[in-house]
N, C-alpha and C. Protein backbone atom coordinates (compact mmCIF):
# COMPACT_ATOMS: atom_id res chain seq x y z
N MET A 1 0.76 -1.22 0.03
CA MET A 1 -0.19 0.01 0.08
C MET A 1 0.85 1.32 -0.03
N ASN A 2 2.16 1.22 0.39
CA ASN A 2 3.16 2.34 0.33
C ASN A 2 2.43 3.31 1.20
N LEU A 3 2.06 2.97 2.38
CA LEU A 3 1.62 4.08 3.29
C LEU A 3 2.64 5.24 3.75
N SER A 4 3.87 4.67 3.78
CA SER A 4 4.88 5.59 4.20
C SER A 4 5.12 6.83 3.21
N ARG A 5 4.69 6.62 1.92
CA ARG A 5 4.84 7.62 0.89
C ARG A 5 3.98 8.84 1.34
N ARG A 6 2.81 8.48 1.75
CA ARG A 6 1.79 9.71 2.02
C ARG A 6 1.50 9.89 3.49
N THR A 7 1.94 9.21 4.42
CA THR A 7 1.77 9.38 5.95
C THR A 7 2.76 10.39 6.39
N PRO A 8 2.12 11.42 7.19
CA PRO A 8 3.15 12.29 7.92
C PRO A 8 3.95 11.51 8.94
N ASP A 9 5.24 12.08 9.11
CA ASP A 9 6.16 11.40 9.86
C ASP A 9 5.51 11.02 11.29
N HIS A 10 5.09 12.20 11.93
CA HIS A 10 4.58 11.91 13.26
C HIS A 10 3.45 10.73 13.35
N LEU A 11 2.57 10.62 12.30
CA LEU A 11 1.63 9.75 12.17
C LEU A 11 2.09 8.27 12.15
N LEU A 12 3.12 8.15 11.17
CA LEU A 12 3.85 7.15 10.99
C LEU A 12 4.60 6.47 12.17
N PHE A 13 5.09 7.48 12.93
CA PHE A 13 5.78 7.07 14.24
C PHE A 13 4.76 6.48 15.33
N LEU A 14 3.65 7.22 15.34
CA LEU A 14 2.51 6.88 16.30
C LEU A 14 2.06 5.51 16.02
N ARG A 15 1.74 5.29 14.71
CA ARG A 15 1.32 3.93 14.31
C ARG A 15 2.18 2.82 14.40
N SER A 16 3.57 3.14 14.23
CA SER A 16 4.47 1.95 14.54
C SER A 16 4.63 1.88 16.13
N TRP A 17 4.53 3.07 16.78
CA TRP A 17 4.67 2.68 18.45
C TRP A 17 3.44 2.01 18.88
N ILE A 18 2.28 2.23 18.44
CA ILE A 18 1.10 1.44 18.69
C ILE A 18 1.21 0.18 18.53
N SER A 19 1.82 -0.32 17.37
CA SER A 19 1.86 -1.67 16.91
C SER A 19 3.00 -2.56 17.57
N ARG A 20 4.26 -1.79 17.79
CA ARG A 20 5.43 -2.32 18.59
C ARG A 20 6.09 -1.40 19.49
N PRO A 21 5.41 -1.13 20.57
CA PRO A 21 5.84 -0.17 21.55
C PRO A 21 7.22 -0.33 22.18
N LEU A 22 7.59 -1.66 22.37
CA LEU A 22 9.11 -1.77 22.87
C LEU A 22 10.05 -1.67 21.88
N GLN A 23 9.72 -1.71 20.66
CA GLN A 23 10.76 -1.55 19.57
C GLN A 23 10.85 -0.20 19.21
N VAL A 24 9.83 0.66 19.10
CA VAL A 24 9.93 1.98 18.61
C VAL A 24 10.02 2.88 19.83
N ALA A 25 9.46 2.60 20.86
CA ALA A 25 9.55 3.28 22.06
C ALA A 25 9.57 4.93 22.04
N ALA A 26 8.98 5.39 21.20
CA ALA A 26 8.92 6.84 21.00
C ALA A 26 7.46 7.16 20.14
N VAL A 27 6.78 8.07 20.50
CA VAL A 27 5.59 8.25 19.96
C VAL A 27 5.58 9.62 18.65
N ALA A 28 6.86 10.06 18.67
CA ALA A 28 7.14 11.09 17.57
C ALA A 28 8.79 11.12 17.30
N PRO A 29 8.96 11.53 16.12
CA PRO A 29 10.46 11.58 15.85
C PRO A 29 11.15 12.58 16.61
N SER A 30 12.47 12.44 16.70
CA SER A 30 13.42 13.21 17.38
C SER A 30 13.33 14.68 16.85
N SER A 31 13.76 15.74 17.58
CA SER A 31 13.78 17.10 17.12
C SER A 31 15.04 17.23 16.24
N ARG A 32 14.94 18.32 15.54
CA ARG A 32 16.04 18.78 14.91
C ARG A 32 17.10 19.19 15.80
N ARG A 33 16.91 19.74 16.94
CA ARG A 33 17.87 20.05 17.80
C ARG A 33 18.66 19.01 18.49
N LEU A 34 17.93 17.84 18.68
CA LEU A 34 18.52 16.66 19.18
C LEU A 34 19.47 16.00 18.08
N ALA A 35 18.96 16.07 16.74
CA ALA A 35 19.69 15.65 15.51
C ALA A 35 21.01 16.37 15.41
N GLU A 36 21.04 17.71 15.58
CA GLU A 36 22.17 18.53 15.57
C GLU A 36 23.09 18.04 16.71
N ALA A 37 22.67 17.79 17.71
CA ALA A 37 23.52 17.59 19.05
C ALA A 37 24.21 16.26 18.80
N ILE A 38 23.41 15.24 18.32
CA ILE A 38 24.06 13.93 18.34
C ILE A 38 25.06 13.83 17.23
N THR A 39 24.84 14.66 16.23
CA THR A 39 25.85 14.53 14.93
C THR A 39 26.96 15.67 15.09
N ALA A 40 26.99 16.29 16.14
CA ALA A 40 27.97 17.64 16.20
C ALA A 40 29.44 17.12 16.16
N ASP A 41 29.88 16.08 16.48
CA ASP A 41 31.26 15.65 16.41
C ASP A 41 31.60 14.92 15.09
N ILE A 42 30.69 14.87 14.14
CA ILE A 42 30.99 14.18 12.88
C ILE A 42 31.09 15.06 11.76
N SER A 43 32.02 14.93 11.03
CA SER A 43 32.34 15.77 9.82
C SER A 43 32.62 14.95 8.70
N PRO A 44 32.58 15.79 7.50
CA PRO A 44 32.77 15.08 6.17
C PRO A 44 34.21 14.32 6.01
N ARG A 45 35.12 14.81 7.08
CA ARG A 45 36.40 14.13 6.96
C ARG A 45 36.28 12.68 7.82
N SER A 46 35.25 12.37 8.47
CA SER A 46 35.06 11.29 9.23
C SER A 46 34.96 10.01 8.44
N GLY A 47 34.43 9.92 7.21
CA GLY A 47 34.44 8.77 6.46
C GLY A 47 32.89 8.18 6.66
N PRO A 48 32.80 6.99 5.96
CA PRO A 48 31.42 6.16 6.20
C PRO A 48 30.79 6.20 7.58
N VAL A 49 29.56 6.38 7.65
CA VAL A 49 28.88 6.36 9.01
C VAL A 49 27.73 5.43 8.95
N LEU A 50 27.73 4.70 10.16
CA LEU A 50 26.59 3.72 10.50
C LEU A 50 25.46 4.27 11.19
N GLU A 51 24.19 4.23 10.84
CA GLU A 51 23.13 4.76 11.50
C GLU A 51 22.28 3.51 12.00
N LEU A 52 22.09 3.48 13.34
CA LEU A 52 21.23 2.33 13.78
C LEU A 52 19.77 3.05 14.13
N GLY A 53 18.73 2.45 13.79
CA GLY A 53 17.36 2.81 14.08
C GLY A 53 17.13 4.30 13.65
N PRO A 54 17.28 4.58 12.41
CA PRO A 54 17.18 5.91 11.90
C PRO A 54 15.68 6.50 11.71
N GLY A 55 14.60 5.37 11.93
CA GLY A 55 13.41 5.83 11.92
C GLY A 55 12.95 6.50 10.63
N THR A 56 12.45 7.80 10.74
CA THR A 56 12.13 8.70 9.49
C THR A 56 13.21 9.44 8.92
N GLY A 57 14.53 9.40 9.49
CA GLY A 57 15.60 9.92 8.88
C GLY A 57 15.99 11.32 9.48
N VAL A 58 15.62 11.72 10.72
CA VAL A 58 15.85 12.89 11.25
C VAL A 58 17.47 13.20 11.49
N PHE A 59 18.03 12.16 12.06
CA PHE A 59 19.40 12.13 12.19
C PHE A 59 20.25 11.96 11.13
N THR A 60 19.66 11.29 9.96
CA THR A 60 20.16 11.25 8.72
C THR A 60 20.43 12.53 8.07
N GLN A 61 19.25 13.17 7.96
CA GLN A 61 19.13 14.62 7.49
C GLN A 61 20.16 15.44 8.06
N ALA A 62 20.48 15.39 9.40
CA ALA A 62 21.41 16.18 10.06
C ALA A 62 22.85 15.87 9.48
N LEU A 63 23.08 14.61 9.44
CA LEU A 63 24.36 14.07 8.81
C LEU A 63 24.70 14.84 7.49
N LEU A 64 23.57 14.77 6.52
CA LEU A 64 23.68 15.33 5.23
C LEU A 64 23.99 16.76 5.43
N ARG A 65 23.36 17.51 6.40
CA ARG A 65 23.65 18.92 6.56
C ARG A 65 25.03 19.17 6.99
N ARG A 66 25.58 18.16 7.50
CA ARG A 66 26.96 18.48 7.96
C ARG A 66 28.26 17.97 6.94
N GLY A 67 27.53 17.72 5.82
CA GLY A 67 28.34 17.49 4.63
C GLY A 67 28.82 16.00 4.48
N ILE A 68 28.17 15.14 5.31
CA ILE A 68 28.37 13.58 5.08
C ILE A 68 27.70 13.24 3.54
N PRO A 69 28.46 12.60 2.63
CA PRO A 69 27.77 12.21 1.44
C PRO A 69 26.76 11.08 1.76
N GLU A 70 25.65 11.21 0.98
CA GLU A 70 24.69 10.24 1.25
C GLU A 70 25.17 9.00 0.91
N ALA A 71 25.90 8.77 -0.07
CA ALA A 71 26.30 7.36 -0.32
C ALA A 71 27.28 6.73 0.72
N ALA A 72 27.78 7.64 1.67
CA ALA A 72 28.70 7.20 2.79
C ALA A 72 27.86 6.77 3.94
N LEU A 73 26.54 6.67 3.75
CA LEU A 73 25.70 6.35 4.87
C LEU A 73 25.06 5.04 4.68
N THR A 74 25.25 4.17 5.98
CA THR A 74 24.36 2.90 5.99
C THR A 74 23.38 2.89 7.21
N LEU A 75 22.29 2.85 6.63
CA LEU A 75 21.03 2.99 7.53
C LEU A 75 20.36 1.50 8.01
N VAL A 76 20.45 1.33 9.23
CA VAL A 76 19.93 -0.19 9.68
C VAL A 76 18.64 0.20 10.35
N GLU A 77 17.61 -0.29 9.85
CA GLU A 77 16.31 -0.14 10.29
C GLU A 77 15.48 -1.40 10.15
N ARG A 78 14.88 -1.83 11.22
CA ARG A 78 14.11 -3.18 11.17
C ARG A 78 12.58 -2.97 11.01
N GLU A 79 12.17 -1.79 11.19
CA GLU A 79 10.62 -1.34 11.01
C GLU A 79 10.22 -1.39 9.48
N PRO A 80 9.56 -2.12 8.73
CA PRO A 80 9.47 -2.20 7.41
C PRO A 80 9.00 -0.85 6.79
N ALA A 81 7.99 -0.21 7.53
CA ALA A 81 7.53 1.15 7.13
C ALA A 81 8.63 2.23 6.92
N PHE A 82 9.24 2.30 8.19
CA PHE A 82 10.53 3.29 8.04
C PHE A 82 11.60 2.97 7.08
N ALA A 83 11.92 1.57 6.89
CA ALA A 83 12.87 1.29 5.77
C ALA A 83 12.39 1.74 4.52
N GLU A 84 11.07 1.50 4.10
CA GLU A 84 10.74 1.86 2.76
C GLU A 84 10.81 3.27 2.64
N LEU A 85 10.40 4.05 3.72
CA LEU A 85 10.41 5.64 3.60
C LEU A 85 12.01 6.04 3.37
N LEU A 86 12.97 5.45 4.20
CA LEU A 86 14.29 5.63 4.04
C LEU A 86 14.88 5.50 2.72
N ARG A 87 14.27 4.38 2.02
CA ARG A 87 14.84 4.10 0.63
C ARG A 87 14.32 5.29 -0.47
N ILE A 88 13.13 5.71 -0.08
CA ILE A 88 12.58 6.83 -0.96
C ILE A 88 13.23 8.03 -0.61
N ARG A 89 13.54 8.53 0.49
CA ARG A 89 14.15 9.81 0.88
C ARG A 89 15.80 9.82 0.54
N PHE A 90 16.28 8.70 0.97
CA PHE A 90 17.73 8.69 0.80
C PHE A 90 18.22 7.53 -0.19
N PRO A 91 17.97 7.79 -1.53
CA PRO A 91 18.19 6.70 -2.55
C PRO A 91 19.64 6.19 -2.70
N ALA A 92 20.50 7.22 -2.29
CA ALA A 92 21.93 6.92 -2.49
C ALA A 92 22.65 6.07 -1.31
N ALA A 93 21.70 6.25 -0.14
CA ALA A 93 22.33 5.46 1.01
C ALA A 93 22.11 3.87 1.02
N SER A 94 22.80 3.25 1.82
CA SER A 94 22.60 1.82 1.89
C SER A 94 21.50 1.53 3.06
N VAL A 95 20.34 1.07 2.61
CA VAL A 95 19.34 0.79 3.81
C VAL A 95 19.46 -0.74 3.90
N LEU A 96 19.75 -1.11 5.07
CA LEU A 96 19.54 -2.42 5.65
C LEU A 96 18.34 -2.76 6.42
N GLU A 97 17.43 -3.54 5.97
CA GLU A 97 16.18 -3.85 6.90
C GLU A 97 16.32 -5.18 7.76
N CYS A 98 16.96 -4.79 8.87
CA CYS A 98 17.45 -5.98 9.65
C CYS A 98 17.60 -5.56 11.06
N ASP A 99 17.84 -6.43 12.02
CA ASP A 99 17.96 -6.13 13.48
C ASP A 99 19.48 -5.58 13.73
N ALA A 100 19.62 -4.62 14.44
CA ALA A 100 20.92 -4.02 14.80
C ALA A 100 21.74 -5.04 15.44
N ALA A 101 21.19 -6.01 16.19
CA ALA A 101 22.17 -6.80 16.92
C ALA A 101 22.62 -7.92 15.87
N THR A 102 22.14 -7.99 14.72
CA THR A 102 22.65 -9.02 13.70
C THR A 102 22.99 -8.44 12.53
N LEU A 103 23.90 -7.51 12.51
CA LEU A 103 24.35 -6.99 11.12
C LEU A 103 25.08 -7.82 10.43
N PRO A 104 24.95 -7.58 9.02
CA PRO A 104 25.59 -8.50 7.90
C PRO A 104 27.04 -8.42 8.06
N SER A 105 27.67 -9.63 7.94
CA SER A 105 29.22 -9.60 8.08
C SER A 105 29.94 -8.61 7.10
N GLY A 106 29.46 -8.41 5.99
CA GLY A 106 30.11 -7.64 5.02
C GLY A 106 29.92 -5.84 5.56
N CYS A 107 29.13 -5.66 6.56
CA CYS A 107 28.83 -4.31 6.85
C CYS A 107 29.77 -3.78 7.94
N ARG A 108 30.90 -3.14 7.33
CA ARG A 108 31.96 -2.76 8.28
C ARG A 108 32.83 -1.81 7.70
N GLY A 109 33.89 -1.18 8.33
CA GLY A 109 34.72 0.03 8.06
C GLY A 109 34.15 1.28 8.21
N PHE A 110 33.39 1.55 9.29
CA PHE A 110 32.91 2.80 9.60
C PHE A 110 33.63 3.68 10.46
N SER A 111 33.67 4.95 10.41
CA SER A 111 34.34 5.85 11.26
C SER A 111 33.56 6.41 12.20
N ALA A 112 32.16 6.37 12.38
CA ALA A 112 31.36 6.62 13.41
C ALA A 112 30.05 5.99 13.35
N ALA A 113 29.18 5.70 14.42
CA ALA A 113 27.91 5.20 14.52
C ALA A 113 27.04 6.10 15.28
N VAL A 114 25.82 6.38 14.82
CA VAL A 114 24.91 7.13 15.36
C VAL A 114 23.69 6.24 15.55
N SER A 115 23.35 6.28 16.83
CA SER A 115 22.11 5.43 17.33
C SER A 115 20.81 6.06 17.73
N GLY A 116 19.64 5.76 17.24
CA GLY A 116 18.51 6.04 17.71
C GLY A 116 17.76 4.98 18.24
N LEU A 117 18.25 3.98 18.61
CA LEU A 117 17.71 2.76 19.18
C LEU A 117 17.15 3.03 20.60
N PRO A 118 16.11 2.60 21.18
CA PRO A 118 15.54 2.70 22.38
C PRO A 118 16.22 1.80 23.26
N LEU A 119 17.65 2.01 23.62
CA LEU A 119 18.33 1.03 24.42
C LEU A 119 17.59 1.02 25.90
N LEU A 120 17.19 1.80 26.44
CA LEU A 120 16.59 1.83 27.70
C LEU A 120 15.51 0.79 27.91
N SER A 121 14.79 0.44 26.91
CA SER A 121 13.64 -0.47 26.77
C SER A 121 14.25 -1.79 26.43
N MET A 122 15.47 -2.23 26.14
CA MET A 122 16.07 -3.38 25.73
C MET A 122 16.74 -4.10 26.87
N PRO A 123 16.67 -5.38 26.97
CA PRO A 123 17.44 -6.21 27.93
C PRO A 123 18.92 -5.99 27.73
N PRO A 124 19.72 -6.00 28.83
CA PRO A 124 21.23 -5.85 28.80
C PRO A 124 21.82 -6.69 27.85
N GLY A 125 21.38 -8.06 27.66
CA GLY A 125 21.91 -8.80 26.79
C GLY A 125 21.89 -8.29 25.34
N GLN A 126 20.58 -7.81 24.97
CA GLN A 126 20.45 -7.28 23.62
C GLN A 126 21.29 -5.93 23.45
N VAL A 127 21.41 -5.20 24.33
CA VAL A 127 22.17 -3.96 24.30
C VAL A 127 23.67 -4.29 24.16
N GLU A 128 24.13 -5.42 24.73
CA GLU A 128 25.44 -5.82 24.58
C GLU A 128 25.75 -6.11 23.21
N ARG A 129 24.74 -7.00 22.67
CA ARG A 129 25.11 -7.58 21.24
C ARG A 129 25.08 -6.53 20.37
N ILE A 130 24.22 -5.45 20.31
CA ILE A 130 24.17 -4.26 19.52
C ILE A 130 25.54 -3.63 19.55
N LEU A 131 26.05 -3.38 20.89
CA LEU A 131 27.38 -2.52 20.96
C LEU A 131 28.55 -3.35 20.43
N ALA A 132 28.51 -4.57 20.81
CA ALA A 132 29.53 -5.40 20.32
C ALA A 132 29.59 -5.49 18.66
N GLY A 133 28.46 -5.70 18.33
CA GLY A 133 28.43 -5.84 16.59
C GLY A 133 28.79 -4.57 15.92
N ALA A 134 28.32 -3.34 16.56
CA ALA A 134 28.60 -2.05 16.02
C ALA A 134 30.20 -1.72 16.31
N PHE A 135 30.88 -1.93 17.15
CA PHE A 135 32.33 -1.83 17.50
C PHE A 135 33.27 -2.73 16.71
N GLU A 136 32.67 -3.78 16.26
CA GLU A 136 33.34 -4.86 15.35
C GLU A 136 33.44 -4.17 14.09
N ARG A 137 32.46 -3.27 13.69
CA ARG A 137 32.59 -2.62 12.38
C ARG A 137 32.86 -1.26 12.25
N LEU A 138 33.41 -0.80 13.55
CA LEU A 138 34.01 0.60 13.42
C LEU A 138 35.44 0.51 13.66
N VAL A 139 36.17 1.39 12.77
CA VAL A 139 37.61 1.38 12.52
C VAL A 139 38.23 2.38 13.74
N GLY A 140 39.34 1.70 13.99
CA GLY A 140 40.41 2.52 15.03
C GLY A 140 39.64 3.23 16.15
N ASP A 141 39.87 4.56 16.40
CA ASP A 141 39.29 5.22 17.52
C ASP A 141 37.82 5.85 17.16
N ALA A 142 37.11 5.14 16.31
CA ALA A 142 35.82 5.68 16.04
C ALA A 142 34.81 5.48 17.12
N CYS A 143 33.88 6.54 17.27
CA CYS A 143 33.04 6.48 18.33
C CYS A 143 31.62 6.11 17.93
N PHE A 144 30.69 5.78 19.01
CA PHE A 144 29.48 5.39 18.95
C PHE A 144 28.61 6.52 19.61
N TYR A 145 27.73 7.31 18.97
CA TYR A 145 26.91 8.29 19.69
C TYR A 145 25.43 7.76 19.97
N GLN A 146 25.09 7.88 21.11
CA GLN A 146 23.87 7.42 21.55
C GLN A 146 22.97 8.59 22.50
N PHE A 147 21.65 8.70 22.24
CA PHE A 147 20.90 9.62 22.98
C PHE A 147 20.11 8.77 24.13
N THR A 148 19.49 9.32 25.02
CA THR A 148 18.59 8.85 25.84
C THR A 148 17.70 9.79 26.44
N TYR A 149 16.60 9.39 27.07
CA TYR A 149 15.71 10.23 27.74
C TYR A 149 15.72 10.10 29.33
N GLY A 150 16.64 9.10 29.71
CA GLY A 150 17.23 8.82 30.98
C GLY A 150 17.97 9.86 31.58
N PRO A 151 18.14 9.56 33.09
CA PRO A 151 19.27 10.44 33.74
C PRO A 151 20.78 10.11 33.52
N ARG A 152 20.82 8.99 32.97
CA ARG A 152 22.19 8.53 32.87
C ARG A 152 22.46 7.71 31.58
N CYS A 153 23.75 7.32 31.27
CA CYS A 153 24.22 6.63 30.11
C CYS A 153 23.20 5.23 29.97
N PRO A 154 22.49 5.19 28.92
CA PRO A 154 21.52 3.96 28.71
C PRO A 154 22.27 2.62 28.65
N VAL A 155 23.42 2.70 28.36
CA VAL A 155 24.37 1.31 28.38
C VAL A 155 24.81 1.06 29.73
N PRO A 156 24.38 -0.15 30.38
CA PRO A 156 24.80 -0.58 31.65
C PRO A 156 26.24 -0.56 31.97
N GLU A 157 26.69 -0.15 33.20
CA GLU A 157 28.33 0.07 33.32
C GLU A 157 28.91 -1.48 33.01
N ALA A 158 28.10 -2.59 33.51
CA ALA A 158 28.66 -3.90 33.28
C ALA A 158 29.06 -4.23 31.77
N VAL A 159 28.10 -3.73 31.21
CA VAL A 159 28.24 -3.87 29.69
C VAL A 159 29.45 -3.21 29.07
N LEU A 160 29.56 -1.97 29.52
CA LEU A 160 30.64 -1.25 29.02
C LEU A 160 31.97 -1.85 29.43
N LEU A 161 32.16 -2.34 30.75
CA LEU A 161 33.27 -2.98 31.01
C LEU A 161 33.60 -4.28 30.36
N ARG A 162 32.66 -5.13 29.98
CA ARG A 162 32.80 -6.38 29.44
C ARG A 162 33.37 -6.08 27.95
N LEU A 163 32.80 -5.11 27.47
CA LEU A 163 33.23 -4.83 26.07
C LEU A 163 34.49 -3.81 25.81
N GLY A 164 35.02 -3.39 27.07
CA GLY A 164 36.27 -2.33 27.05
C GLY A 164 35.74 -1.25 26.49
N LEU A 165 34.63 -0.50 26.83
CA LEU A 165 34.29 0.69 26.42
C LEU A 165 34.05 1.58 27.68
N ALA A 166 33.99 2.96 27.35
CA ALA A 166 33.87 3.94 28.19
C ALA A 166 32.76 4.98 27.45
N ALA A 167 31.84 5.66 28.33
CA ALA A 167 30.92 6.54 27.92
C ALA A 167 31.11 7.94 28.61
N TRP A 168 30.81 9.03 27.77
CA TRP A 168 30.85 10.25 28.20
C TRP A 168 29.66 11.01 27.91
N PHE A 169 29.21 11.82 28.86
CA PHE A 169 28.13 12.69 28.62
C PHE A 169 28.62 13.86 27.58
N ARG A 170 27.74 14.19 26.61
CA ARG A 170 28.21 15.07 25.69
C ARG A 170 27.26 16.38 25.64
N ARG A 171 26.04 16.26 25.55
CA ARG A 171 25.13 17.44 25.43
C ARG A 171 23.68 17.08 26.14
N PHE A 172 23.13 17.99 26.66
CA PHE A 172 21.62 18.06 27.18
C PHE A 172 21.00 18.69 26.12
N VAL A 173 19.85 18.33 25.74
CA VAL A 173 18.87 18.93 24.82
C VAL A 173 17.45 18.98 25.62
N PRO A 174 17.22 20.21 26.15
CA PRO A 174 16.01 20.36 26.76
C PRO A 174 14.79 20.51 25.88
N LEU A 175 15.24 21.24 24.54
CA LEU A 175 14.02 21.43 23.69
C LEU A 175 13.68 20.29 22.80
N ASN A 176 13.64 19.21 23.37
CA ASN A 176 13.34 17.82 22.71
C ASN A 176 12.05 17.43 23.36
N LEU A 177 11.16 16.62 22.84
CA LEU A 177 10.13 16.03 23.51
C LEU A 177 10.27 14.55 23.56
N PRO A 178 10.52 14.00 24.67
CA PRO A 178 10.98 14.56 25.97
C PRO A 178 12.43 15.03 25.93
N PRO A 179 12.84 15.89 26.90
CA PRO A 179 14.36 16.23 26.87
C PRO A 179 15.23 15.00 26.86
N ALA A 180 16.31 15.22 26.14
CA ALA A 180 17.16 14.12 25.85
C ALA A 180 18.77 14.54 26.26
N SER A 181 19.36 13.53 26.49
CA SER A 181 21.00 13.65 26.60
C SER A 181 21.61 12.85 25.63
N VAL A 182 22.88 13.35 25.24
CA VAL A 182 23.69 12.55 24.15
C VAL A 182 24.93 12.05 24.82
N TYR A 183 25.31 10.89 24.52
CA TYR A 183 26.50 10.32 25.09
C TYR A 183 27.42 9.84 23.91
N ARG A 184 28.70 9.97 24.16
CA ARG A 184 29.74 9.29 23.30
C ARG A 184 30.45 8.19 23.94
N ILE A 185 30.24 7.05 23.24
CA ILE A 185 30.89 5.87 23.61
C ILE A 185 32.13 5.45 22.59
N ALA A 186 33.16 4.94 23.37
CA ALA A 186 34.50 4.66 22.71
C ALA A 186 35.34 3.55 23.40
N ARG A 187 36.17 3.04 22.67
CA ARG A 187 37.00 2.02 23.24
C ARG A 187 37.90 2.54 24.31
N THR A 188 38.20 1.82 25.36
CA THR A 188 39.00 2.38 26.18
C THR A 188 40.58 2.17 25.85
N SER A 189 40.80 1.30 24.88
CA SER A 189 42.11 0.99 24.34
C SER A 189 42.61 2.21 23.49
N SER A 190 41.62 2.80 22.51
CA SER A 190 41.79 3.89 21.63
C SER A 190 42.04 5.28 22.53
N LEU A 191 41.58 5.19 23.68
CA LEU A 191 41.63 6.36 24.59
C LEU A 191 43.08 6.34 25.17
N HIS A 192 43.52 5.13 25.62
CA HIS A 192 44.91 5.11 26.17
C HIS A 192 45.94 5.56 25.08
N GLU A 193 45.84 4.98 23.98
CA GLU A 193 46.72 5.29 22.87
C GLU A 193 46.56 6.81 22.58
N ARG A 194 45.57 7.30 22.63
CA ARG A 194 45.51 8.85 22.32
C ARG A 194 46.14 9.58 23.40
N GLU A 195 46.01 9.23 24.78
CA GLU A 195 46.64 9.85 25.78
C GLU A 195 48.07 9.82 25.81
N ALA A 196 48.42 8.45 25.38
CA ALA A 196 50.07 8.30 25.24
C ALA A 196 50.56 9.12 24.03
N SER A 197 50.04 9.28 23.10
CA SER A 197 50.43 9.96 21.98
C SER A 197 50.46 11.51 22.31
N GLN A 198 49.48 11.91 23.08
CA GLN A 198 49.59 13.18 23.60
C GLN A 198 50.64 13.62 24.48
N CYS A 199 51.07 12.51 25.45
CA CYS A 199 52.19 12.71 26.34
C CYS A 199 53.47 12.75 25.66
N ALA A 200 53.45 11.89 24.55
CA ALA A 200 54.83 11.85 23.79
C ALA A 200 55.05 13.11 22.97
N SER A 201 54.10 13.85 22.64
CA SER A 201 54.42 15.05 21.97
C SER A 201 54.77 16.22 22.78
N PHE A 202 54.90 16.18 24.17
CA PHE A 202 55.36 17.08 24.88
C PHE A 202 56.89 17.11 25.14
């Protein structure tokens, strides 16, 4: 029926939330302010970008505004209506209609990952599989950017420790519905290497 071609974004989100509340976990798309905040550290020099749970493409559009080529974007979306809409809106991007915890083996070589996934509504095991799979596909000191509506990082500390990762609060976006915070997650090994390089330069 191609409903996504003619359904406004907020109605498409609401319909998806009603049918799969734990998977979508939001009744409306993220705001442009949140999109700008979560993509603020990513530039055209970064290289290919992996986006998990792009929904209607609010973060995707922010990446394009920052100069990331559309062809350098890989969008992973399990919701069929959203995946259809993404293919229409971003024809040069690679749209993978699959679960973020089971990414294809050939999907790798990314310099950053941006996530719109509702990690707070997922069990820790699923969160760990998503993070582990994403970092297997990120190169070098590439970072993973995640937002949350909660008061702290949505990735449990035990999961971060098992995966050798660390998380930093980056920005608070009060003018989002609801207000949201952005976190940057990176490998602790890359941080140690960066610190050692900075010390050696003195």
